[in-house]
Amino acid sequence: MIPVRTYQQQHHHHHHNNHSHRLRRIIPRVLLAVFAIYAVSFAAYLLRHQSPHPAADPEREAVDVAGGGGDRVRVEAPSSQKPWPRLPSYLPWTSGSVRPPPPPHSCEGYFGNGFSRLVDVLPARGGGGWFRCHHSETLRSSICEGGRVRLDPGLIAMSRGGEPLDHVMGRAEEEELPKYEPGALQVEGPPAKRTGPLVEAGFLDAYVPTGGIGMHTMRSLLDSGRVVPPGELHCSQWVEEPTLLVTRFEYANLFHTITDWYSAYVSSRVTDLPNRPNVVFVDGHCKAQLEQTWEAFFSNVTYVKNFSGPVCFRHAVLSPLGYETALFKGLSESFSCEGASAESLREKPDHQKTARLSEFGEMILASFDLLRDDILSSKTSNGLNVLFVRREDYLAHPRHSGKVESRLSNEKEVYDAIEGWAKGQKCKINVINGLFAHMDMKEQLRAIQEASVVIGAHGAGLTHLVSATPDTKVLEIISSMYRRPHFALISHWKSLEYHAINLPGSYAREDNTRGRNEEEEPVAVGTVVCLLASRRSTCRVAAWLWITLGVADDGY
């Protein structure tokens, strides 16, 4: 029997078909509208949160969206680099915010938060290479960065670098410092750009002046730079993540190395890097103990001569020399600057005060997982630590004899006197023998972090004061041959209580006041009358420590 549909059934079937047809037409339109709204919202979000830096390269695993003013907004892919730790003293850097830069020659300007003049050498166009410099009028130096940058180790004359010290004894320093041939540095330019110099001499004089530095390697590297057309940037390998190019000079000396670390840290913040960058040493120095801190501080460390051929970087940053930081310039230039807590500066900004050195010291501690509350609480619960920073013999570099010049000729006698005094006290006082040359970096930092008082003859080991806690007291013993303000300045910039004992020679005698001419420097400062090495003198040392620590009524 053949089924027969009624009119009502036929009408219902026809209506159902029309309804389905309308849905098929409407659904794509709705989805398209939803997608458009999402795309517009996402683009608006990116524009509100855009990075001030152009994308290093369109081939990166990132989404590029056109932004205002010709810049490109960068949405980073997940990175294998170490993240920045949370630092209690961190304050925003001008380059990454909308706030106006500090005035020239201000305290903040000297400590690196004044690289505010942006000079486009090679603007980013159409996804090719780019190059620009951030100039500081205060420091008279620049931090430069670029995308699609090539470095050719074959055009850099110097030793390989990274060798064991005992394999290269006697090697001259000149062999370890780079000499560049033209084209050692290349940047990919736009299609219409022919091969030519990256910068002219006038640019170097204006933005990377020598400033009294005999061998300004960053300037020389820029001078070797060439712009090449697309397709001419021949690379043996690509480094995908942001990388600092660093040249070290006095790489085995803690003070000078800390100036290099500070410059590298500032360069990373000024260029607004999202994570801790890689580091490539553009020098030929051998391995040194301080290299472990470079490795802890940054994501990866290697030597440029370790690359088998020309190496290309999606994003390279040229870090200024350590000689161009406030830590070094403070030795020869006078500028108004004092340390303050980040908390006080958040409440009341003051360009003549800084927390940058505290921020940096915390960064060093965090690199070794030492920025923890349990470590800080142990400083008060386990008695009072008096850290005596010692100078001892060790082999530092290929031109070193292994003998360290004494700054306090009877250092051991002074140490023994302080240790003997501490044992006779009712409270718990721990005298720490700071033989830093034979301690790894984490041990050194922990000793500084836990110290209530730091004592030492003038020497590079005292540079660790950048990582001292705010309540640390400092006593520097200064011989007549080494009266330089390194550690008085660091203490001032960290807002640490500082005292100095100025000796007429290099020996802490039973009575240094005898036989002095009236023109000579006073032996003592503040509450200290003199530092003596005899048993009788320990009372005077004890009195200084007791008054400075303020523990007379604390019940220790």
Protein backbone atom coordinates (compact mmCIF):
# COMPACT_ATOMS: atom_id res chain seq x y z
CA MET A 1 0.00 0.00 0.00
CA ILE A 2 1.39 3.33 -1.00
CA PRO A 3 1.43 5.87 1.85
CA VAL A 4 -0.44 9.08 1.16
CA ARG A 5 0.56 12.35 2.91
CA THR A 6 -2.13 14.69 4.03
CA TYR A 7 -1.92 18.42 3.30
CA GLN A 8 -0.99 19.06 6.94
CA GLN A 9 1.86 16.59 6.79
CA GLN A 10 3.12 18.06 3.54
CA HIS A 11 2.88 21.59 4.93
CA HIS A 12 4.79 20.58 8.09
CA HIS A 13 7.49 18.93 6.02
CA HIS A 14 7.83 22.01 3.81
CA HIS A 15 7.99 24.31 6.86
CA HIS A 16 10.67 22.10 8.43
CA ASN A 17 12.78 22.30 5.26
CA ASN A 18 12.51 26.10 5.17
CA HIS A 19 13.49 26.34 8.83
CA SER A 20 16.56 24.12 8.30
CA HIS A 21 17.56 26.15 5.28
CA ARG A 22 17.34 29.40 7.27
CA LEU A 23 19.45 27.92 10.08
CA ARG A 24 22.12 26.88 7.59
CA ARG A 25 22.26 30.46 6.34
CA ILE A 26 22.15 32.14 9.78
CA ILE A 27 24.65 30.00 11.71
CA PRO A 28 27.71 30.88 9.56
CA ARG A 29 26.79 34.56 9.81
CA VAL A 30 26.50 34.36 13.60
CA LEU A 31 29.83 32.54 13.86
CA LEU A 32 31.46 35.11 11.57
CA ALA A 33 30.09 37.96 13.70
CA VAL A 34 31.30 36.32 16.92
CA PHE A 35 34.74 35.77 15.42
CA ALA A 36 34.91 39.40 14.24
CA ILE A 37 33.96 40.69 17.69
CA TYR A 38 36.61 38.45 19.27
CA ALA A 39 39.26 39.58 16.78
CA VAL A 40 38.50 43.27 17.39
CA SER A 41 38.55 42.76 21.17
CA PHE A 42 41.83 40.85 20.99
CA ALA A 43 43.45 43.52 18.81
CA ALA A 44 42.26 46.23 21.21
CA TYR A 45 43.76 44.29 24.12
CA LEU A 46 47.08 44.01 22.32
CA LEU A 47 47.15 47.70 21.50
CA ARG A 48 46.60 48.54 25.16
CA HIS A 49 49.39 46.20 26.25
CA GLN A 50 51.80 46.52 23.38
CA SER A 51 55.54 46.23 23.86
CA PRO A 52 57.59 49.31 22.98
CA HIS A 53 59.95 47.08 21.01
CA PRO A 54 59.39 45.74 17.50
CA ALA A 55 59.25 42.03 16.88
CA ALA A 56 62.73 40.68 16.27
CA ASP A 57 61.67 38.50 13.36
CA PRO A 58 58.44 37.37 11.68
CA GLU A 59 59.65 33.77 11.60
CA ARG A 60 59.53 33.56 15.38
CA GLU A 61 56.75 31.54 16.95
CA ALA A 62 54.79 34.67 17.76
CA VAL A 63 51.74 36.58 16.60
CA ASP A 64 52.50 40.01 15.10
CA VAL A 65 49.75 42.63 14.97
CA ALA A 66 50.20 46.07 13.44
CA GLY A 67 50.33 48.76 16.10
CA GLY A 68 50.31 52.53 16.14
CA GLY A 69 53.32 54.56 15.07
CA GLY A 70 54.76 51.81 12.88
CA ASP A 71 55.66 49.58 15.81
CA ARG A 72 54.64 45.96 15.89
CA VAL A 73 52.96 44.30 18.84
CA ARG A 74 54.67 41.11 19.96
CA VAL A 75 52.87 38.20 21.57
CA GLU A 76 55.63 35.88 22.74
CA ALA A 77 55.54 32.13 22.38
CA PRO A 78 56.39 30.11 25.50
CA SER A 79 60.07 30.58 26.36
CA SER A 80 62.63 28.13 27.70
CA GLN A 81 64.51 31.01 29.34
CA LYS A 82 64.51 31.58 33.09
CA PRO A 83 61.76 33.91 34.30
CA TRP A 84 62.53 37.08 36.23
CA PRO A 85 62.16 36.43 39.97
CA ARG A 86 59.98 38.55 42.20
CA LEU A 87 62.26 41.18 43.79
CA PRO A 88 61.05 43.14 46.87
CA SER A 89 62.97 46.26 45.78
CA TYR A 90 61.92 46.16 42.13
CA LEU A 91 60.55 49.41 40.72
CA PRO A 92 59.31 49.89 37.12
CA TRP A 93 61.88 50.98 34.55
CA THR A 94 61.04 54.01 32.45
CA SER A 95 61.42 52.19 29.12
CA GLY A 96 58.61 49.81 29.98
CA SER A 97 56.13 52.38 31.27
CA VAL A 98 54.38 55.58 30.28
CA ARG A 99 55.98 57.61 33.04
CA PRO A 100 58.40 60.40 32.02
CA PRO A 101 62.11 59.60 32.36
CA PRO A 102 64.14 60.90 35.31
CA PRO A 103 65.94 64.18 34.63
CA PRO A 104 69.53 63.99 33.31
CA HIS A 105 72.27 63.61 35.94
CA SER A 106 69.78 62.44 38.54
CA CYS A 107 70.48 59.53 40.86
CA GLU A 108 68.08 57.30 38.91
CA GLY A 109 69.76 58.38 35.68
CA TYR A 110 73.18 57.30 36.95
CA PHE A 111 71.81 53.91 38.00
CA GLY A 112 70.58 53.16 34.50
CA ASN A 113 66.99 54.35 34.51
CA GLY A 114 67.79 57.14 32.08
CA PHE A 115 68.39 55.38 28.74
CA SER A 116 65.43 57.34 27.47
CA ARG A 117 66.50 58.73 24.09
CA LEU A 118 65.57 56.19 21.43
CA VAL A 119 67.59 56.40 18.20
CA ASP A 120 66.34 54.29 15.27
CA VAL A 121 69.36 53.23 13.21
CA LEU A 122 67.43 50.79 11.03
CA PRO A 123 63.65 51.02 11.52
CA ALA A 124 61.58 47.83 11.37
CA ARG A 125 59.79 47.58 8.03
CA GLY A 126 58.05 44.62 6.49
CA GLY A 127 59.41 41.98 8.84
CA GLY A 128 63.11 42.48 8.04
CA GLY A 129 65.94 43.33 10.39
CA TRP A 130 65.98 46.35 12.67
CA PHE A 131 68.47 48.14 14.90
CA ARG A 132 68.15 50.89 17.50
CA CYS A 133 69.97 52.38 20.48
CA HIS A 134 68.75 53.69 23.84
CA HIS A 135 70.98 56.60 24.85
CA SER A 136 71.63 57.94 28.35
CA GLU A 137 72.68 61.58 28.55
CA THR A 138 73.71 60.99 32.17
CA LEU A 139 76.04 58.04 31.57
CA ARG A 140 77.00 59.17 28.04
CA SER A 141 76.56 55.64 26.74
CA SER A 142 73.99 53.57 24.87
CA ILE A 143 72.32 50.18 24.99
CA CYS A 144 71.80 48.96 21.42
CA GLU A 145 69.58 46.14 20.19
CA GLY A 146 68.56 44.62 16.90
CA GLY A 147 66.72 41.84 15.12
CA ARG A 148 68.13 39.54 12.44
CA VAL A 149 71.67 40.27 13.55
CA ARG A 150 74.69 38.19 12.51
CA LEU A 151 78.00 37.85 14.35
CA ASP A 152 80.88 36.16 12.55
CA PRO A 153 83.53 34.65 14.89
CA GLY A 154 85.84 34.29 11.88
CA LEU A 155 86.06 38.08 11.61
CA ILE A 156 86.96 38.54 15.29
CA ALA A 157 90.66 38.20 16.12
CA MET A 158 91.17 36.86 19.66
CA SER A 159 91.75 33.66 21.61
CA ARG A 160 89.00 31.03 21.78
CA GLY A 161 88.05 31.63 25.42
CA GLY A 162 86.66 29.32 28.06
CA GLU A 163 89.83 27.26 28.47
CA PRO A 164 91.02 25.95 31.86
CA LEU A 165 93.30 28.50 33.52
CA ASP A 166 96.27 26.15 33.81
CA HIS A 167 96.22 25.59 30.02
CA VAL A 168 96.80 29.25 29.14
CA MET A 169 99.19 30.56 31.80
CA GLY A 170 101.25 33.46 30.50
CA ARG A 171 98.83 34.41 27.72
CA ALA A 172 98.79 38.17 27.07
CA GLU A 173 95.65 40.16 27.78
CA GLU A 174 95.64 41.62 24.26
CA GLU A 175 95.10 38.12 22.85
CA GLU A 176 91.88 37.80 24.87
CA LEU A 177 90.23 41.05 23.74
CA PRO A 178 88.35 41.27 20.41
CA LYS A 179 89.59 43.05 17.31
CA TYR A 180 86.91 43.28 14.65
CA GLU A 181 87.20 43.17 10.88
CA PRO A 182 84.59 44.94 8.74
CA GLY A 183 81.39 42.89 8.60
CA ALA A 184 81.95 41.10 11.91
CA LEU A 185 78.49 42.43 12.77
CA GLN A 186 75.74 42.39 10.14
CA VAL A 187 72.07 43.37 10.21
CA GLU A 188 69.57 42.49 7.51
CA GLY A 189 68.14 45.60 5.88
CA PRO A 190 65.10 46.22 3.66
CA PRO A 191 65.04 45.00 0.02
CA ALA A 192 66.09 48.36 -1.41
CA LYS A 193 69.05 48.71 0.99
CA ARG A 194 72.49 47.97 -0.42
CA THR A 195 75.40 46.75 1.65
CA GLY A 196 76.85 49.63 3.65
CA PRO A 197 77.94 50.74 7.12
CA LEU A 198 75.47 50.22 9.95
CA VAL A 199 76.47 53.54 11.57
CA GLU A 200 78.71 56.46 10.69
CA ALA A 201 81.52 57.98 12.76
CA GLY A 202 79.30 60.89 13.80
CA PHE A 203 76.77 58.49 15.29
CA LEU A 204 79.48 56.75 17.31
CA ASP A 205 80.83 60.06 18.62
CA ALA A 206 77.35 61.18 19.65
CA TYR A 207 75.96 57.98 21.16
CA VAL A 208 78.90 55.65 21.91
CA PRO A 209 81.81 57.98 22.80
CA THR A 210 85.03 56.46 24.10
CA GLY A 211 84.74 58.50 27.30
CA GLY A 212 88.36 57.94 28.25
CA ILE A 213 88.14 54.15 27.78
CA GLY A 214 91.29 53.12 25.94
CA MET A 215 89.74 50.14 24.13
CA HIS A 216 85.99 50.64 23.72
CA THR A 217 85.02 47.25 22.32
CA MET A 218 81.30 47.98 21.93
CA ARG A 219 82.09 51.03 19.80
CA SER A 220 84.50 48.93 17.71
CA LEU A 221 81.84 46.25 17.19
CA LEU A 222 79.33 48.84 15.97
CA ASP A 223 81.98 50.36 13.73
CA SER A 224 82.45 46.97 12.06
CA GLY A 225 78.69 46.69 11.43
CA ARG A 226 77.26 46.37 7.95
CA VAL A 227 73.67 46.39 6.63
CA VAL A 228 73.05 43.65 4.04
CA PRO A 229 70.05 43.00 1.75
CA PRO A 230 67.58 40.17 2.43
CA GLY A 231 69.03 36.79 1.52
CA GLU A 232 72.62 37.88 2.23
CA LEU A 233 72.57 37.08 5.95
CA HIS A 234 74.24 33.66 5.71
CA CYS A 235 74.12 31.87 9.08
CA SER A 236 75.40 28.52 10.33
CA GLN A 237 72.74 28.62 13.05
CA TRP A 238 70.04 30.84 14.55
CA VAL A 239 69.67 31.74 18.22
CA GLU A 240 65.94 32.15 18.68
CA GLU A 241 65.75 33.85 22.09
CA PRO A 242 66.99 37.27 23.29
CA THR A 243 70.76 37.31 23.81
CA LEU A 244 73.16 39.80 25.41
CA LEU A 245 76.52 40.36 23.72
CA VAL A 246 79.00 41.12 26.52
CA THR A 247 82.70 41.95 26.51
CA ARG A 248 84.50 41.68 29.84
CA PHE A 249 87.83 43.21 30.77
CA GLU A 250 88.83 42.53 34.39
CA TYR A 251 86.77 39.35 34.46
CA ALA A 252 88.46 37.73 37.49
CA ASN A 253 87.97 40.75 39.79
CA LEU A 254 84.71 40.76 41.77
CA PHE A 255 84.24 44.55 41.73
CA HIS A 256 84.68 44.83 37.96
CA THR A 257 82.58 41.72 37.32
CA ILE A 258 79.75 43.15 39.40
CA THR A 259 79.86 46.26 37.19
CA ASP A 260 79.47 43.91 34.19
CA TRP A 261 76.56 42.09 35.86
CA TYR A 262 74.90 45.39 36.66
CA SER A 263 75.28 46.65 33.09
CA ALA A 264 73.85 43.38 31.74
CA TYR A 265 70.93 43.57 34.18
CA VAL A 266 70.14 47.18 33.24
CA SER A 267 70.38 46.31 29.53
CA SER A 268 67.82 43.54 30.02
CA ARG A 269 65.41 45.85 31.85
CA VAL A 270 65.81 48.83 29.50
CA THR A 271 65.10 46.65 26.45
CA ASP A 272 62.12 45.18 28.31
CA LEU A 273 63.11 41.53 27.88
CA PRO A 274 60.32 39.22 29.09
CA ASN A 275 62.72 36.65 30.59
CA ARG A 276 66.35 36.41 31.61
CA PRO A 277 68.36 36.45 28.37
CA ASN A 278 71.18 34.29 27.12
CA VAL A 279 74.71 35.72 27.29
CA VAL A 280 77.43 35.42 24.66
CA PHE A 281 80.90 36.48 25.78
CA VAL A 282 82.53 38.39 22.95
CA ASP A 283 85.95 37.95 24.52
CA GLY A 284 88.58 35.23 24.78
CA HIS A 285 89.13 34.99 28.53
CA CYS A 286 89.67 31.61 30.14
CA LYS A 287 87.30 30.04 32.66
CA ALA A 288 87.07 31.82 36.00
CA GLN A 289 85.30 31.18 39.29
CA LEU A 290 82.94 34.10 38.73
CA GLU A 291 81.49 32.43 35.65
CA GLN A 292 79.17 30.36 37.85
CA THR A 293 77.33 33.56 38.75
CA TRP A 294 76.86 34.50 35.10
CA GLU A 295 75.34 31.05 34.61
CA ALA A 296 73.05 31.39 37.63
CA PHE A 297 72.00 34.96 36.80
CA PHE A 298 71.17 34.43 33.12
CA SER A 299 69.56 31.65 31.08
CA ASN A 300 72.55 30.37 29.13
CA VAL A 301 76.20 31.42 28.77
CA THR A 302 78.64 30.65 25.97
CA TYR A 303 81.66 32.13 24.18
CA VAL A 304 81.32 33.53 20.67
CA LYS A 305 84.26 31.43 19.45
CA ASN A 306 82.33 28.30 20.48
CA PHE A 307 80.09 28.79 17.44
CA SER A 308 81.33 26.86 14.42
CA GLY A 309 80.48 29.64 11.98
CA PRO A 310 78.50 32.87 11.60
CA VAL A 311 75.66 32.91 14.13
CA CYS A 312 72.43 34.87 13.74
CA PHE A 313 70.21 36.23 16.49
CA ARG A 314 66.50 36.94 16.29
CA HIS A 315 67.08 39.54 19.02
CA ALA A 316 70.54 40.68 20.15
CA VAL A 317 71.33 43.32 22.80
CA LEU A 318 74.74 44.99 23.07
CA SER A 319 75.47 45.57 26.76
CA PRO A 320 77.63 48.62 27.63
CA LEU A 321 80.98 48.12 29.33
CA GLY A 322 81.06 47.88 33.12
CA TYR A 323 83.20 51.03 33.15
CA GLU A 324 80.07 52.95 32.08
CA THR A 325 77.99 52.16 35.18
CA ALA A 326 77.43 54.31 38.28
CA LEU A 327 79.52 51.84 40.30
CA PHE A 328 82.59 52.84 38.31
CA LYS A 329 81.72 56.43 37.39
CA GLY A 330 81.16 57.23 41.07
CA LEU A 331 84.91 56.88 41.60
CA SER A 332 85.65 59.88 39.39
CA GLU A 333 82.39 61.84 39.14
CA SER A 334 80.55 63.55 41.96
CA PHE A 335 76.77 63.22 41.90
CA SER A 336 74.05 63.50 44.52
CA CYS A 337 72.61 60.07 45.23
CA GLU A 338 71.62 58.14 48.32
CA GLY A 339 70.02 54.80 48.97
CA ALA A 340 66.40 54.42 49.99
CA SER A 341 63.93 51.59 50.32
CA ALA A 342 61.72 50.78 47.34
CA GLU A 343 58.71 51.07 49.63
CA SER A 344 59.55 54.69 50.51
CA LEU A 345 60.13 55.55 46.84
CA ARG A 346 56.81 54.02 45.83
CA GLU A 347 55.09 56.31 48.32
CA LYS A 348 57.21 59.36 47.56
CA PRO A 349 59.31 59.21 44.36
CA ASP A 350 62.62 61.08 44.53
CA HIS A 351 65.03 61.11 41.60
CA GLN A 352 67.95 61.86 43.94
CA LYS A 353 67.42 58.58 45.80
CA THR A 354 67.61 55.03 44.52
CA ALA A 355 66.72 51.45 45.38
CA ARG A 356 68.33 50.11 42.18
CA LEU A 357 71.41 48.69 43.92
CA SER A 358 69.18 46.85 46.39
CA GLU A 359 67.06 45.54 43.50
CA PHE A 360 70.22 44.31 41.79
CA GLY A 361 71.59 42.71 44.97
CA GLU A 362 68.30 40.86 45.40
CA MET A 363 68.58 39.65 41.81
CA ILE A 364 71.97 38.11 42.59
CA LEU A 365 70.58 36.42 45.71
CA ALA A 366 67.51 35.16 43.84
CA SER A 367 69.77 33.62 41.20
CA PHE A 368 71.10 31.30 43.92
CA ASP A 369 67.70 30.77 45.58
CA LEU A 370 68.78 32.82 48.61
CA LEU A 371 65.97 35.38 48.62
CA ARG A 372 63.92 33.44 51.14
CA ASP A 373 62.26 34.46 54.41
CA ASP A 374 63.69 31.50 56.32
CA ILE A 375 67.25 32.62 55.55
CA LEU A 376 66.55 36.18 56.69
CA SER A 377 64.89 35.02 59.90
CA SER A 378 67.92 32.90 60.79
CA LYS A 379 69.99 36.10 60.90
CA THR A 380 68.36 37.11 64.18
CA SER A 381 67.68 33.67 65.66
CA ASN A 382 71.20 32.22 65.55
CA GLY A 383 73.12 35.03 67.25
CA LEU A 384 75.07 37.88 65.70
CA ASN A 385 77.41 37.18 62.79
CA VAL A 386 80.53 39.32 62.43
CA LEU A 387 81.91 38.59 58.96
CA PHE A 388 85.61 39.35 58.50
CA VAL A 389 86.29 39.49 54.75
CA ARG A 390 89.83 38.21 54.24
CA ARG A 391 92.33 38.62 51.43
CA GLU A 392 94.19 35.44 50.54
CA ASP A 393 96.46 34.11 47.84
CA TYR A 394 94.85 32.45 44.82
CA LEU A 395 95.54 32.18 41.09
CA ALA A 396 93.19 34.61 39.35
CA HIS A 397 94.15 34.78 35.64
CA PRO A 398 96.95 33.84 33.20
CA ARG A 399 99.06 36.87 34.11
CA HIS A 400 98.69 36.47 37.87
CA SER A 401 101.43 35.22 40.18
CA GLY A 402 98.98 33.77 42.69
CA LYS A 403 100.05 36.28 45.35
CA VAL A 404 97.53 38.87 46.53
CA GLU A 405 98.86 42.23 47.65
CA SER A 406 98.12 42.78 51.32
CA ARG A 407 95.98 45.77 52.35
CA LEU A 408 96.30 44.96 56.07
CA SER A 409 99.67 43.41 56.83
CA ASN A 410 98.66 41.89 60.19
CA GLU A 411 95.19 40.83 59.07
CA LYS A 412 95.33 37.45 60.82
CA GLU A 413 96.34 39.09 64.09
CA VAL A 414 93.35 41.43 63.90
CA TYR A 415 91.03 38.54 63.04
CA ASP A 416 92.33 36.47 65.97
CA ALA A 417 91.80 39.41 68.33
CA ILE A 418 88.18 39.85 67.25
CA GLU A 419 87.54 36.11 67.45
CA GLY A 420 89.05 35.96 70.95
CA TRP A 421 86.91 38.85 72.11
CA ALA A 422 83.74 37.25 70.73
CA LYS A 423 84.36 34.02 72.64
CA GLY A 424 84.43 35.95 75.91
CA GLN A 425 81.02 37.55 75.46
CA LYS A 426 77.87 36.35 77.19
CA CYS A 427 75.77 36.82 74.07
CA LYS A 428 76.25 34.59 71.05
CA ILE A 429 78.56 36.28 68.55
CA ASN A 430 79.81 34.25 65.59
CA VAL A 431 82.97 35.53 63.90
CA ILE A 432 82.93 34.28 60.30
CA ASN A 433 86.27 33.76 58.58
CA GLY A 434 85.48 35.16 55.12
CA LEU A 435 88.04 33.35 52.96
CA PHE A 436 86.06 34.15 49.83
CA ALA A 437 88.66 32.99 47.32
CA HIS A 438 88.08 29.42 48.48
CA MET A 439 84.29 29.59 48.90
CA ASP A 440 81.79 29.10 46.11
CA MET A 441 79.55 32.04 45.25
CA LYS A 442 76.50 30.76 47.10
CA GLU A 443 78.53 30.41 50.32
CA GLN A 444 79.91 33.95 49.92
CA LEU A 445 76.46 35.42 49.37
CA ARG A 446 74.98 33.51 52.30
CA ALA A 447 77.77 34.83 54.56
CA ILE A 448 77.06 38.43 53.48
CA GLN A 449 73.31 37.95 53.81
CA GLU A 450 73.54 36.61 57.37
CA ALA A 451 76.13 39.14 58.61
CA SER A 452 75.17 41.76 61.18
CA VAL A 453 78.58 43.43 60.83
CA VAL A 454 80.94 43.19 57.85
CA ILE A 455 84.60 44.02 58.54
CA GLY A 456 87.35 43.99 55.95
CA ALA A 457 90.38 45.69 54.54
CA HIS A 458 89.77 47.59 51.30
CA GLY A 459 89.39 44.91 48.62
CA ALA A 460 87.07 43.56 45.93
CA GLY A 461 85.40 41.09 48.31
CA LEU A 462 83.56 43.98 49.95
CA THR A 463 81.64 44.53 46.70
CA HIS A 464 79.31 41.81 47.99
CA LEU A 465 77.78 44.61 50.07
CA VAL A 466 75.37 45.09 47.14
CA SER A 467 73.60 41.98 48.50
CA ALA A 468 73.74 42.90 52.20
CA THR A 469 70.49 43.34 54.13
CA PRO A 470 69.46 46.90 55.10
CA ASP A 471 70.42 46.51 58.79
CA THR A 472 74.03 45.46 58.05
CA LYS A 473 76.82 47.60 59.56
CA VAL A 474 80.09 48.06 57.65
CA LEU A 475 83.59 48.66 59.02
CA GLU A 476 86.25 49.17 56.35
CA ILE A 477 89.94 49.16 57.33
CA ILE A 478 91.78 51.37 54.85
CA SER A 479 95.54 51.55 54.48
CA SER A 480 97.16 54.77 53.31
CA MET A 481 97.87 53.25 49.87
CA TYR A 482 94.25 52.37 49.07
CA ARG A 483 92.06 55.29 50.05
CA ARG A 484 89.40 55.00 47.40
CA PRO A 485 85.65 55.38 47.95
CA HIS A 486 84.35 52.15 46.36
CA PHE A 487 82.72 50.65 49.43
CA ALA A 488 81.78 53.87 51.19
CA LEU A 489 79.78 54.70 48.05
CA ILE A 490 78.16 51.27 47.79
CA SER A 491 77.18 51.51 51.46
CA HIS A 492 75.74 55.00 50.88
CA TRP A 493 73.81 53.88 47.79
CA LYS A 494 72.47 50.93 49.79
CA SER A 495 71.73 53.09 52.87
CA LEU A 496 73.98 50.93 55.06
CA GLU A 497 75.63 52.27 58.20
CA TYR A 498 79.31 52.67 57.28
CA HIS A 499 82.44 53.40 59.31
CA ALA A 500 86.07 53.52 58.23
CA ILE A 501 89.38 53.16 60.01
CA ASN A 502 92.10 55.01 58.08
CA LEU A 503 95.53 53.61 58.93
CA PRO A 504 98.68 55.69 58.41
CA GLY A 505 100.26 52.59 56.85
CA SER A 506 98.96 49.07 56.41
CA TYR A 507 99.52 47.77 59.96
CA ALA A 508 97.01 47.98 62.82
CA ARG A 509 99.42 48.71 65.70
CA GLU A 510 98.86 48.78 69.43
CA ASP A 511 98.53 52.55 69.25
CA ASN A 512 98.30 54.06 65.79
CA THR A 513 97.98 57.54 67.22
CA ARG A 514 101.61 57.72 68.34
CA GLY A 515 104.10 59.65 66.25
CA ARG A 516 101.55 60.93 63.74
CA ASN A 517 101.99 64.28 62.09
CA GLU A 518 99.05 66.63 62.44
CA GLU A 519 98.63 66.62 58.64
CA GLU A 520 98.03 62.87 58.49
CA GLU A 521 94.58 61.36 58.11
CA PRO A 522 92.79 60.60 61.38
CA VAL A 523 93.03 56.96 62.37
CA ALA A 524 89.41 56.51 63.40
CA VAL A 525 85.92 57.51 62.37
CA GLY A 526 82.79 57.85 64.52
CA THR A 527 82.75 55.73 67.65
CA VAL A 528 86.01 53.94 66.83
CA VAL A 529 89.14 55.35 68.46
CA CYS A 530 91.51 52.83 66.90
CA LEU A 531 91.76 49.20 65.89
CA LEU A 532 94.53 47.44 67.80
CA ALA A 533 95.88 43.94 67.44
CA SER A 534 96.85 43.36 71.07
CA ARG A 535 94.61 41.66 73.65
CA ARG A 536 94.04 45.05 75.34
CA SER A 537 92.66 46.49 72.09
CA THR A 538 89.76 44.08 71.82
CA CYS A 539 87.77 46.14 74.34
CA ARG A 540 87.78 49.03 71.91
CA VAL A 541 86.74 46.80 69.02
CA ALA A 542 84.08 45.26 71.26
CA ALA A 543 82.80 48.68 72.23
CA TRP A 544 82.38 49.66 68.58
CA LEU A 545 80.60 46.43 67.71
CA TRP A 546 78.42 46.65 70.81
CA ILE A 547 77.34 50.25 70.18
CA THR A 548 76.87 49.72 66.45
CA LEU A 549 74.84 46.56 66.80
CA GLY A 550 72.66 48.16 69.46
CA VAL A 551 72.32 44.90 71.41
CA ALA A 552 73.20 46.08 74.91
CA ASP A 553 69.57 45.85 76.03
CA ASP A 554 68.34 43.19 73.61
CA GLY A 555 68.88 40.26 75.93
CA TYR A 556 71.16 38.19 73.74
